[in-house]
Structure formats: structure tokens, C-alpha cells
C-alpha atoms as a PDB file:
ATOM      1  CA  MET A   1      -0.302 -21.417 -18.662  1.00  0.00           C
ATOM      2  CA  THR A   2      -3.504 -21.605 -16.466  1.00  0.00           C
ATOM      3  CA  LEU A   3      -3.599 -21.276 -12.512  1.00  0.00           C
ATOM      4  CA  SER A   4      -6.213 -22.542 -10.237  1.00  0.00           C
ATOM      5  CA  LYS A   5      -9.180 -20.439  -9.843  1.00  0.00           C
ATOM      6  CA  ASN A   6      -7.886 -21.111  -5.856  1.00  0.00           C
ATOM      7  CA  TYR A   7      -5.368 -19.165  -6.588  1.00  0.00           C
ATOM      8  CA  TRP A   8      -7.262 -16.213  -8.208  1.00  0.00           C
ATOM      9  CA  GLY A   9      -9.842 -16.845  -5.039  1.00  0.00           C
ATOM     10  CA  ARG A  10      -6.398 -16.094  -2.645  1.00  0.00           C
ATOM     11  CA  THR A  11      -5.102 -13.577  -4.666  1.00  0.00           C
ATOM     12  CA  ALA A  12      -8.577 -11.114  -4.618  1.00  0.00           C
ATOM     13  CA  ILE A  13      -9.263 -12.150  -0.484  1.00  0.00           C
ATOM     14  CA  LEU A  14      -5.656 -11.015  -0.068  1.00  0.00           C
ATOM     15  CA  THR A  15      -6.093  -7.533  -2.016  1.00  0.00           C
ATOM     16  CA  ILE A  16      -9.560  -6.773  -0.449  1.00  0.00           C
ATOM     17  CA  ALA A  17      -7.552  -7.195   2.847  1.00  0.00           C
ATOM     18  CA  GLY A  18      -4.905  -5.103   1.558  1.00  0.00           C
ATOM     19  CA  GLY A  19      -6.494  -2.600  -0.113  1.00  0.00           C
ATOM     20  CA  ALA A  20      -9.151  -1.817   2.702  1.00  0.00           C
ATOM     21  CA  ALA A  21      -5.714  -1.595   5.361  1.00  0.00           C
ATOM     22  CA  PHE A  22      -4.540   1.116   2.775  1.00  0.00           C
ATOM     23  CA  TRP A  23      -7.567   3.236   2.354  1.00  0.00           C
ATOM     24  CA  LEU A  24      -8.709   2.760   5.981  1.00  0.00           C
ATOM     25  CA  SER A  25      -5.097   3.802   7.201  1.00  0.00           C
ATOM     26  CA  ASN A  26      -5.444   6.759   4.956  1.00  0.00           C
ATOM     27  CA  PHE A  27      -8.705   7.467   6.220  1.00  0.00           C
ATOM     28  CA  ALA A  28      -7.321   7.858  10.040  1.00  0.00           C
ATOM     29  CA  ILE A  29      -4.769   9.958   8.398  1.00  0.00           C
ATOM     30  CA  SER A  30      -6.888  12.288   6.364  1.00  0.00           C
ATOM     31  CA  ARG A  31      -8.493  13.153  10.191  1.00  0.00           C
ATOM     32  CA  THR A  32      -5.417  14.535  11.354  1.00  0.00           C
ATOM     33  CA  PRO A  33      -4.400  18.120  10.825  1.00  0.00           C
ATOM     34  CA  ILE A  34      -0.946  18.240   9.577  1.00  0.00           C
ATOM     35  CA  ALA A  35      -3.243  16.130   6.660  1.00  0.00           C
ATOM     36  CA  ALA A  36      -4.965  18.665   5.678  1.00  0.00           C
ATOM     37  CA  GLU A  37      -2.108  21.292   5.871  1.00  0.00           C
ATOM     38  CA  TYR A  38      -0.920  18.782   2.986  1.00  0.00           C
ATOM     39  CA  ARG A  39      -3.744  18.607   1.128  1.00  0.00           C
ATOM     40  CA  THR A  40      -3.927  22.151   1.511  1.00  0.00           C
ATOM     41  CA  ALA A  41      -0.547  22.646   0.263  1.00  0.00           C
ATOM     42  CA  LEU A  42      -0.863  20.401  -3.023  1.00  0.00           C
ATOM     43  CA  SER A  43      -3.985  21.575  -3.634  1.00  0.00           C
ATOM     44  CA  ILE A  44      -5.897  18.212  -3.093  1.00  0.00           C
ATOM     45  CA  SER A  45      -9.478  17.672  -2.994  1.00  0.00           C
ATOM     46  CA  TYR A  46     -10.841  15.258  -0.019  1.00  0.00           C
ATOM     47  CA  TYR A  47     -13.725  13.368  -1.262  1.00  0.00           C
ATOM     48  CA  PRO A  48     -11.660  12.789  -4.741  1.00  0.00           C
ATOM     49  CA  MET A  49      -8.981  12.174  -3.154  1.00  0.00           C
ATOM     50  CA  LEU A  50     -10.545   8.868  -0.528  1.00  0.00           C
ATOM     51  CA  LEU A  51     -11.638   7.099  -3.769  1.00  0.00           C
ATOM     52  CA  GLU A  52      -8.082   7.942  -5.772  1.00  0.00           C
ATOM     53  CA  ALA A  53      -6.903   6.126  -2.481  1.00  0.00           C
ATOM     54  CA  LEU A  54      -9.219   3.379  -3.045  1.00  0.00           C
ATOM     55  CA  ILE A  55      -8.125   2.284  -6.048  1.00  0.00           C
ATOM     56  CA  GLY A  56      -4.676   3.031  -5.360  1.00  0.00           C
ATOM     57  CA  GLY A  57      -4.293   0.419  -2.208  1.00  0.00           C
ATOM     58  CA  VAL A  58      -6.710  -1.857  -4.361  1.00  0.00           C
ATOM     59  CA  VAL A  59      -3.947  -1.861  -7.264  1.00  0.00           C
ATOM     60  CA  ILE A  60      -1.084  -2.146  -5.097  1.00  0.00           C
ATOM     61  CA  ALA A  61      -2.831  -4.394  -2.903  1.00  0.00           C
ATOM     62  CA  ALA A  62      -3.231  -7.288  -5.699  1.00  0.00           C
ATOM     63  CA  SER A  63       0.496  -6.711  -7.010  1.00  0.00           C
ATOM     64  CA  VAL A  64       1.910  -7.205  -4.005  1.00  0.00           C
ATOM     65  CA  SER A  65      -0.708 -10.520  -3.166  1.00  0.00           C
ATOM     66  CA  TYR A  66       0.219 -11.234  -6.703  1.00  0.00           C
ATOM     67  CA  CYS A  67       3.961 -11.202  -5.924  1.00  0.00           C
ATOM     68  CA  LEU A  68       3.951 -13.006  -2.550  1.00  0.00           C
ATOM     69  CA  LEU A  69       1.525 -16.018  -3.798  1.00  0.00           C
ATOM     70  CA  ARG A  70       3.381 -16.136  -6.651  1.00  0.00           C
ATOM     71  CA  PHE A  71       7.392 -15.752  -5.478  1.00  0.00           C
ATOM     72  CA  PHE A  72       6.655 -17.540  -1.737  1.00  0.00           C
ATOM     73  CA  ASP A  73       9.528 -19.510  -1.632  1.00  0.00           C
ATOM     74  CA  ARG A  74      11.893 -16.996  -3.899  1.00  0.00           C
ATOM     75  CA  LEU A  75      11.198 -14.498  -0.847  1.00  0.00           C
ATOM     76  CA  PRO A  76      13.667 -13.929   1.441  1.00  0.00           C
ATOM     77  CA  ALA A  77      12.803 -14.535   5.230  1.00  0.00           C
ATOM     78  CA  GLN A  78      10.762 -17.548   6.597  1.00  0.00           C
ATOM     79  CA  ASN A  79       7.116 -15.528   8.540  1.00  0.00           C
ATOM     80  CA  PRO A  80       4.525 -14.640   5.458  1.00  0.00           C
ATOM     81  CA  VAL A  81       3.951 -11.113   6.934  1.00  0.00           C
ATOM     82  CA  LEU A  82       7.637 -10.385   6.823  1.00  0.00           C
ATOM     83  CA  LYS A  83       7.847 -11.448   3.207  1.00  0.00           C
ATOM     84  CA  SER A  84       4.401  -9.160   2.539  1.00  0.00           C
ATOM     85  CA  VAL A  85       6.093  -5.843   3.811  1.00  0.00           C
ATOM     86  CA  ILE A  86       9.164  -6.495   1.514  1.00  0.00           C
ATOM     87  CA  LEU A  87       7.486  -6.428  -1.468  1.00  0.00           C
ATOM     88  CA  SER A  88       5.551  -4.004  -0.571  1.00  0.00           C
ATOM     89  CA  PHE A  89       8.625  -1.400   0.585  1.00  0.00           C
ATOM     90  CA  ILE A  90       9.567  -2.138  -2.843  1.00  0.00           C
ATOM     91  CA  VAL A  91       6.657  -0.495  -3.739  1.00  0.00           C
ATOM     92  CA  LEU A  92       6.831   2.111  -1.553  1.00  0.00           C
ATOM     93  CA  ILE A  93      10.318   2.983  -2.805  1.00  0.00           C
ATOM     94  CA  LEU A  94       8.931   3.072  -6.877  1.00  0.00           C
ATOM     95  CA  VAL A  95       5.814   4.894  -5.735  1.00  0.00           C
ATOM     96  CA  THR A  96       8.016   7.520  -3.473  1.00  0.00           C
ATOM     97  CA  LEU A  97      10.153   7.646  -6.768  1.00  0.00           C
ATOM     98  CA  THR A  98       7.632   8.205  -9.422  1.00  0.00           C
ATOM     99  CA  ILE A  99       4.812   9.864  -7.780  1.00  0.00           C
ATOM    100  CA  GLY A 100       5.325  11.138  -4.024  1.00  0.00           C
ATOM    101  CA  GLY A 101       8.740  12.743  -5.152  1.00  0.00           C
ATOM    102  CA  PRO A 102       7.944  14.903  -7.738  1.00  0.00           C
ATOM    103  CA  SER A 103       4.762  15.866  -6.719  1.00  0.00           C
ATOM    104  CA  SER A 104       5.708  17.871  -3.329  1.00  0.00           C
ATOM    105  CA  PHE A 105       8.579  19.355  -5.717  1.00  0.00           C
ATOM    106  CA  ILE A 106       6.468  20.453  -8.750  1.00  0.00           C
ATOM    107  CA  ALA A 107       3.533  21.966  -6.490  1.00  0.00           C
ATOM    108  CA  THR A 108       4.933  23.196  -3.322  1.00  0.00           C
ATOM    109  CA  GLY A 109       7.146  25.858  -1.711  1.00  0.00           C
ATOM    110  CA  ASN A 110       8.538  23.925   1.090  1.00  0.00           C
ATOM    111  CA  ALA A 111       9.067  20.802  -1.046  1.00  0.00           C
ATOM    112  CA  LEU A 112      11.153  19.140   1.355  1.00  0.00           C
ATOM    113  CA  ARG A 113       9.112  19.007   4.048  1.00  0.00           C
ATOM    114  CA  TYR A 114       5.834  18.138   1.970  1.00  0.00           C
ATOM    115  CA  PHE A 115       8.332  15.543   0.018  1.00  0.00           C
ATOM    116  CA  LEU A 116       8.798  13.763   4.276  1.00  0.00           C
ATOM    117  CA  ILE A 117       4.845  14.001   5.188  1.00  0.00           C
ATOM    118  CA  GLY A 118       3.493  12.395   2.052  1.00  0.00           C
ATOM    119  CA  THR A 119       6.516   9.499   2.153  1.00  0.00           C
ATOM    120  CA  MET A 120       5.581   8.815   5.798  1.00  0.00           C
ATOM    121  CA  PHE A 121       2.002   8.761   5.097  1.00  0.00           C
ATOM    122  CA  ASN A 122       2.850   6.113   1.878  1.00  0.00           C
ATOM    123  CA  VAL A 123       4.926   4.614   5.091  1.00  0.00           C
ATOM    124  CA  ILE A 124       1.661   4.054   7.280  1.00  0.00           C
ATOM    125  CA  ARG A 125      -0.445   3.236   4.674  1.00  0.00           C
ATOM    126  CA  ILE A 126       1.917   1.216   2.539  1.00  0.00           C
ATOM    127  CA  LEU A 127       2.880  -0.905   6.006  1.00  0.00           C
ATOM    128  CA  ALA A 128      -0.535  -1.101   6.161  1.00  0.00           C
ATOM    129  CA  LEU A 129      -1.147  -3.166   3.459  1.00  0.00           C
ATOM    130  CA  GLY A 130       1.582  -5.375   4.151  1.00  0.00           C
ATOM    131  CA  ILE A 131       1.141  -5.844   7.667  1.00  0.00           C
ATOM    132  CA  ALA A 132      -2.732  -7.222   6.542  1.00  0.00           C
ATOM    133  CA  ILE A 133      -1.827  -8.858   3.501  1.00  0.00           C
ATOM    134  CA  GLY A 134       0.741 -11.547   5.273  1.00  0.00           C
ATOM    135  CA  PHE A 135      -1.909 -11.927   8.054  1.00  0.00           C
ATOM    136  CA  GLY A 136      -4.116 -12.324   5.373  1.00  0.00           C
ATOM    137  CA  TYR A 137      -1.768 -15.076   3.870  1.00  0.00           C
ATOM    138  CA  ASP A 138      -1.620 -16.943   6.813  1.00  0.00           C
ATOM    139  CA  LYS A 139      -6.027 -17.438   6.630  1.00  0.00           C
ATOM    140  CA  VAL A 140      -5.820 -18.352   3.218  1.00  0.00           C
ATOM    141  CA  SER A 141      -3.520 -20.792   3.292  1.00  0.00           C
ATOM    142  CA  GLY A 142      -4.068 -22.534   6.206  1.00  0.00           C
ATOM    143  CA  GLY A 143      -0.988 -21.598   8.293  1.00  0.00           C
ATOM    144  CA  ALA A 144       1.323 -23.348   5.619  1.00  0.00           C
ATOM    145  CA  GLY A 145       3.417 -20.329   5.241  1.00  0.00           C
END
């Protein structure tokens, strides 16, 4: 199975756009007092968290970008932004079940509060990622979406 260089180039462009949106929204969230409280409660260091958000955002963006390009015609909806957001929310559910939930229940005394805070942070970050990839799809496909 060979895919064109154009396919991988479009995937890379969408990955960069989505990863950047994820990281920038993470950075904006991290400047709030509630994020500082959340990091303290879960013993999360600030600078390593920024690096982890960059890496995680790129991995999630690559997954969403690949699936959007590969399965575009099979996804419900007509709008590429909506298709990308749908894929992003599938990722959100997976991240919440595998990472967000267990970490807040193990590390804190007020598990429900920090689970909800972490989930809301992820909703914002992953929604930004999905929107950026969806708008990017219009650019890399020449508005054919």
C-alpha cells in the first residue's frame, strides 16, 4: 500500500495545525488560577507539563489528521470541521477513560472535583485541536471538503 507524498504532506500540515492549537490552548489554560490548583493537587510540574502537552497534542493531532484524511467520505456530516470535531471527541472519550479518570481518582482526596476540572481542560484543548484540523483540511484540500 503506497500513499502519495501529498497525502503525508497534508497529514503533516494538519498535525502541526492541530498540535499547535492543542498546545496554545493548554498554555492559555495553564496560566489560570484553577490550573495552578489542579497542578498542585496532582503534583504536576509546570515546565514538564508544557512539554508533555506538546508531545500529546502532536500525537492526538496526527491520529485525528490521519483518520480525517483516510476516512473522510465515511464520516458523518458534510463539514470537515464537524467531521474533525467528531473524531476529536472520540479521542476525548478515550483520553478521559484511560488517563484523566484514573489519575484524578488515585492522586487526590477530592477526586470528582479534579476529574471534572481535568475533563473540562481536555474538552477545551481537544476541541481547539479538532477545529484547527477541520479548518486546515479546507486549506490543504483546496476547499474541496
